[in-house]
Amino acid sequence: MSDLMTPADWKEIKHFTPQENWGDPFKMLKQHILGLDKLRAYVGRTISVHCGYEPRPTGQHPTGCASDIHIQGLHVVDQFLAAQRFAEFTGIGVYPDWTQPGLHLDSRMLLPDAARQIWGCNQLNGEQRYCHLDGSFLKSIYEVT
């Protein structure tokens, strides 16, 4: 059994289609797409996918287990709070400075001892700065945006 999405698997997904911006939708990890579908059902809002599978030299996108998204009409902090409810997302990055503030979600190795990786990313002088995601980071972007 393949861990990647098949045409039959896509027919079972309620809120997304392979025509969205997945890169190659058949190189996406099934567990990740199922998590996104659950998140969409939970928030009851449209989720726009900006990037799925992408053959970058590093990161989670080339493995098919990552997507960059935003949830329409939901503050980026609330997007994070919704996404962190789902065990399928073992990597969550918060990007308040994107044109449409949103999240990087990934379903990296789902090992019993794997701790969830969370981070924030702000722009400073045109460069991305990654930081530990904590209450002060969330509070600072909630007050600004």
C-alpha atoms as a PDB file:
ATOM      1  CA  MET A   1       0.000   0.000   0.000  1.00  0.00           C
ATOM      2  CA  SER A   2       1.379   3.381  -1.009  1.00  0.00           C
ATOM      3  CA  ASP A   3       1.550   6.273   1.407  1.00  0.00           C
ATOM      4  CA  LEU A   4       1.065   8.710  -1.486  1.00  0.00           C
ATOM      5  CA  MET A   5      -2.263   9.957  -2.776  1.00  0.00           C
ATOM      6  CA  THR A   6      -3.861   8.013  -5.629  1.00  0.00           C
ATOM      7  CA  PRO A   7      -6.725   9.090  -7.904  1.00  0.00           C
ATOM      8  CA  ALA A   8      -9.047   6.899  -5.790  1.00  0.00           C
ATOM      9  CA  ASP A   9      -7.802   8.568  -2.582  1.00  0.00           C
ATOM     10  CA  TRP A  10      -8.480  12.036  -3.996  1.00  0.00           C
ATOM     11  CA  LYS A  11     -12.096  11.008  -4.664  1.00  0.00           C
ATOM     12  CA  GLU A  12     -12.498  10.395  -0.916  1.00  0.00           C
ATOM     13  CA  ILE A  13     -11.271  13.868   0.083  1.00  0.00           C
ATOM     14  CA  LYS A  14     -14.189  16.192   0.788  1.00  0.00           C
ATOM     15  CA  HIS A  15     -12.675  19.663   0.780  1.00  0.00           C
ATOM     16  CA  PHE A  16      -9.752  19.587  -1.661  1.00  0.00           C
ATOM     17  CA  THR A  17      -9.045  18.474  -5.221  1.00  0.00           C
ATOM     18  CA  PRO A  18      -5.842  17.522  -7.031  1.00  0.00           C
ATOM     19  CA  GLN A  19      -6.300  20.600  -9.229  1.00  0.00           C
ATOM     20  CA  GLU A  20      -5.277  22.899  -6.364  1.00  0.00           C
ATOM     21  CA  ASN A  21      -1.725  24.160  -5.941  1.00  0.00           C
ATOM     22  CA  TRP A  22      -0.185  20.894  -4.755  1.00  0.00           C
ATOM     23  CA  GLY A  23       2.692  20.812  -7.229  1.00  0.00           C
ATOM     24  CA  ASP A  24       2.246  17.137  -8.112  1.00  0.00           C
ATOM     25  CA  PRO A  25      -0.887  16.038  -6.191  1.00  0.00           C
ATOM     26  CA  PHE A  26       0.073  12.369  -6.534  1.00  0.00           C
ATOM     27  CA  LYS A  27       3.340  12.945  -4.691  1.00  0.00           C
ATOM     28  CA  MET A  28       1.493  14.199  -1.601  1.00  0.00           C
ATOM     29  CA  LEU A  29       1.463  12.027   1.512  1.00  0.00           C
ATOM     30  CA  LYS A  30      -1.999  10.624   2.171  1.00  0.00           C
ATOM     31  CA  GLN A  31      -1.782  11.236   5.938  1.00  0.00           C
ATOM     32  CA  HIS A  32      -1.045  14.908   5.314  1.00  0.00           C
ATOM     33  CA  ILE A  33      -3.992  15.416   2.944  1.00  0.00           C
ATOM     34  CA  LEU A  34      -6.313  13.637   5.382  1.00  0.00           C
ATOM     35  CA  GLY A  35      -5.130  16.026   8.101  1.00  0.00           C
ATOM     36  CA  LEU A  36      -5.823  19.040   5.907  1.00  0.00           C
ATOM     37  CA  ASP A  37      -9.286  17.703   5.122  1.00  0.00           C
ATOM     38  CA  LYS A  38     -10.007  17.327   8.856  1.00  0.00           C
ATOM     39  CA  LEU A  39      -8.702  20.836   9.530  1.00  0.00           C
ATOM     40  CA  ARG A  40     -10.968  22.234   6.795  1.00  0.00           C
ATOM     41  CA  ALA A  41     -13.994  20.465   8.287  1.00  0.00           C
ATOM     42  CA  TYR A  42     -13.085  21.766  11.758  1.00  0.00           C
ATOM     43  CA  VAL A  43     -12.664  25.441  10.804  1.00  0.00           C
ATOM     44  CA  GLY A  44     -15.583  25.532   8.377  1.00  0.00           C
ATOM     45  CA  ARG A  45     -13.699  27.985   6.158  1.00  0.00           C
ATOM     46  CA  THR A  46     -11.905  27.777   2.839  1.00  0.00           C
ATOM     47  CA  ILE A  47      -8.255  26.785   3.036  1.00  0.00           C
ATOM     48  CA  SER A  48      -6.123  28.106   0.203  1.00  0.00           C
ATOM     49  CA  VAL A  49      -3.119  25.974  -0.667  1.00  0.00           C
ATOM     50  CA  HIS A  50      -0.119  27.981  -1.866  1.00  0.00           C
ATOM     51  CA  CYS A  51       2.355  25.125  -2.211  1.00  0.00           C
ATOM     52  CA  GLY A  52       2.375  21.371  -1.699  1.00  0.00           C
ATOM     53  CA  TYR A  53       4.908  19.039  -3.279  1.00  0.00           C
ATOM     54  CA  GLU A  54       7.876  20.981  -4.573  1.00  0.00           C
ATOM     55  CA  PRO A  55      11.294  19.557  -5.487  1.00  0.00           C
ATOM     56  CA  ARG A  56      13.324  21.893  -3.274  1.00  0.00           C
ATOM     57  CA  PRO A  57      16.773  20.787  -2.151  1.00  0.00           C
ATOM     58  CA  THR A  58      15.785  20.746   1.537  1.00  0.00           C
ATOM     59  CA  GLY A  59      12.746  20.762   3.801  1.00  0.00           C
ATOM     60  CA  GLN A  60       9.544  18.751   3.905  1.00  0.00           C
ATOM     61  CA  HIS A  61       7.976  19.804   0.579  1.00  0.00           C
ATOM     62  CA  PRO A  62      10.044  17.386  -1.580  1.00  0.00           C
ATOM     63  CA  THR A  63       8.817  14.481   0.553  1.00  0.00           C
ATOM     64  CA  GLY A  64       5.165  15.323  -0.189  1.00  0.00           C
ATOM     65  CA  CYS A  65       4.303  15.813   3.457  1.00  0.00           C
ATOM     66  CA  ALA A  66       4.101  19.623   3.569  1.00  0.00           C
ATOM     67  CA  SER A  67       1.865  22.430   2.441  1.00  0.00           C
ATOM     68  CA  ASP A  68       1.832  26.191   2.806  1.00  0.00           C
ATOM     69  CA  ILE A  69      -1.702  27.404   3.401  1.00  0.00           C
ATOM     70  CA  HIS A  70      -3.875  30.124   4.781  1.00  0.00           C
ATOM     71  CA  ILE A  71      -7.374  29.847   6.160  1.00  0.00           C
ATOM     72  CA  GLN A  72      -9.559  32.543   4.684  1.00  0.00           C
ATOM     73  CA  GLY A  73     -11.015  35.034   7.148  1.00  0.00           C
ATOM     74  CA  LEU A  74      -9.110  33.643  10.139  1.00  0.00           C
ATOM     75  CA  HIS A  75      -6.307  35.473  11.943  1.00  0.00           C
ATOM     76  CA  VAL A  76      -2.965  33.673  11.644  1.00  0.00           C
ATOM     77  CA  VAL A  77      -2.869  33.033  15.409  1.00  0.00           C
ATOM     78  CA  ASP A  78      -6.296  31.391  15.200  1.00  0.00           C
ATOM     79  CA  GLN A  79      -5.082  29.386  12.196  1.00  0.00           C
ATOM     80  CA  PHE A  80      -2.222  28.079  14.365  1.00  0.00           C
ATOM     81  CA  LEU A  81      -4.527  27.278  17.274  1.00  0.00           C
ATOM     82  CA  ALA A  82      -6.805  25.289  14.956  1.00  0.00           C
ATOM     83  CA  ALA A  83      -3.964  23.387  13.237  1.00  0.00           C
ATOM     84  CA  GLN A  84      -2.236  22.398  16.458  1.00  0.00           C
ATOM     85  CA  ARG A  85      -5.327  20.385  17.440  1.00  0.00           C
ATOM     86  CA  PHE A  86      -4.490  17.774  14.783  1.00  0.00           C
ATOM     87  CA  ALA A  87      -1.803  15.149  15.430  1.00  0.00           C
ATOM     88  CA  GLU A  88      -1.229  14.787  11.668  1.00  0.00           C
ATOM     89  CA  PHE A  89       0.715  18.057  11.731  1.00  0.00           C
ATOM     90  CA  THR A  90       4.040  17.409  13.416  1.00  0.00           C
ATOM     91  CA  GLY A  91       5.587  20.577  11.994  1.00  0.00           C
ATOM     92  CA  ILE A  92       3.796  23.935  12.153  1.00  0.00           C
ATOM     93  CA  GLY A  93       5.320  27.228  11.116  1.00  0.00           C
ATOM     94  CA  VAL A  94       3.516  30.548  11.533  1.00  0.00           C
ATOM     95  CA  TYR A  95       4.168  33.162   8.823  1.00  0.00           C
ATOM     96  CA  PRO A  96       2.434  36.452   9.682  1.00  0.00           C
ATOM     97  CA  ASP A  97       4.286  38.447   7.000  1.00  0.00           C
ATOM     98  CA  TRP A  98       3.106  36.490   3.961  1.00  0.00           C
ATOM     99  CA  THR A  99       0.773  38.434   1.639  1.00  0.00           C
ATOM    100  CA  GLN A 100      -1.946  36.200   3.089  1.00  0.00           C
ATOM    101  CA  PRO A 101      -0.659  35.359   6.606  1.00  0.00           C
ATOM    102  CA  GLY A 102      -0.690  31.623   7.040  1.00  0.00           C
ATOM    103  CA  LEU A 103       0.986  28.394   8.028  1.00  0.00           C
ATOM    104  CA  HIS A 104       3.487  25.871   6.850  1.00  0.00           C
ATOM    105  CA  LEU A 105       2.070  22.500   7.882  1.00  0.00           C
ATOM    106  CA  ASP A 106       3.922  19.246   7.579  1.00  0.00           C
ATOM    107  CA  SER A 107       3.471  15.644   8.568  1.00  0.00           C
ATOM    108  CA  ARG A 108       7.112  14.743   9.027  1.00  0.00           C
ATOM    109  CA  MET A 109       8.021  11.364  10.434  1.00  0.00           C
ATOM    110  CA  LEU A 110       5.133  10.233  12.599  1.00  0.00           C
ATOM    111  CA  LEU A 111       7.244   8.397  15.152  1.00  0.00           C
ATOM    112  CA  PRO A 112       6.024   7.707  18.687  1.00  0.00           C
ATOM    113  CA  ASP A 113       8.821   9.789  20.219  1.00  0.00           C
ATOM    114  CA  ALA A 114       8.811  12.563  17.616  1.00  0.00           C
ATOM    115  CA  ALA A 115       8.121  15.905  19.216  1.00  0.00           C
ATOM    116  CA  ARG A 116       6.112  18.446  17.266  1.00  0.00           C
ATOM    117  CA  GLN A 117       8.254  21.142  15.700  1.00  0.00           C
ATOM    118  CA  ILE A 118       6.746  24.638  15.849  1.00  0.00           C
ATOM    119  CA  TRP A 119       8.285  27.938  14.845  1.00  0.00           C
ATOM    120  CA  GLY A 120       7.515  31.486  13.874  1.00  0.00           C
ATOM    121  CA  CYS A 121       8.943  33.477  11.004  1.00  0.00           C
ATOM    122  CA  ASN A 122       9.011  37.256  10.612  1.00  0.00           C
ATOM    123  CA  GLN A 123      10.471  39.497   7.937  1.00  0.00           C
ATOM    124  CA  LEU A 124      13.237  41.862   8.985  1.00  0.00           C
ATOM    125  CA  ASN A 125      14.893  44.057   6.344  1.00  0.00           C
ATOM    126  CA  GLY A 126      13.563  41.766   3.627  1.00  0.00           C
ATOM    127  CA  GLU A 127      14.949  38.584   5.182  1.00  0.00           C
ATOM    128  CA  GLN A 128      13.066  35.802   6.923  1.00  0.00           C
ATOM    129  CA  ARG A 129      13.949  35.402  10.598  1.00  0.00           C
ATOM    130  CA  TYR A 130      12.946  32.146  12.252  1.00  0.00           C
ATOM    131  CA  CYS A 131      12.283  32.029  15.956  1.00  0.00           C
ATOM    132  CA  HIS A 132      10.879  29.898  18.726  1.00  0.00           C
ATOM    133  CA  LEU A 133       7.105  30.039  18.683  1.00  0.00           C
ATOM    134  CA  ASP A 134       5.886  30.931  22.137  1.00  0.00           C
ATOM    135  CA  GLY A 135       3.198  33.009  23.755  1.00  0.00           C
ATOM    136  CA  SER A 136       5.118  36.275  23.317  1.00  0.00           C
ATOM    137  CA  PHE A 137       5.539  35.666  19.558  1.00  0.00           C
ATOM    138  CA  LEU A 138       1.837  34.876  19.166  1.00  0.00           C
ATOM    139  CA  LYS A 139       0.849  37.886  21.263  1.00  0.00           C
ATOM    140  CA  SER A 140       3.094  40.220  19.250  1.00  0.00           C
ATOM    141  CA  ILE A 141       1.599  39.198  15.909  1.00  0.00           C
ATOM    142  CA  TYR A 142      -1.940  39.178  17.285  1.00  0.00           C
ATOM    143  CA  GLU A 143      -1.575  42.779  18.430  1.00  0.00           C
ATOM    144  CA  VAL A 144       0.070  43.958  15.176  1.00  0.00           C
ATOM    145  CA  THR A 145      -2.062  42.237  12.530  1.00  0.00           C
END
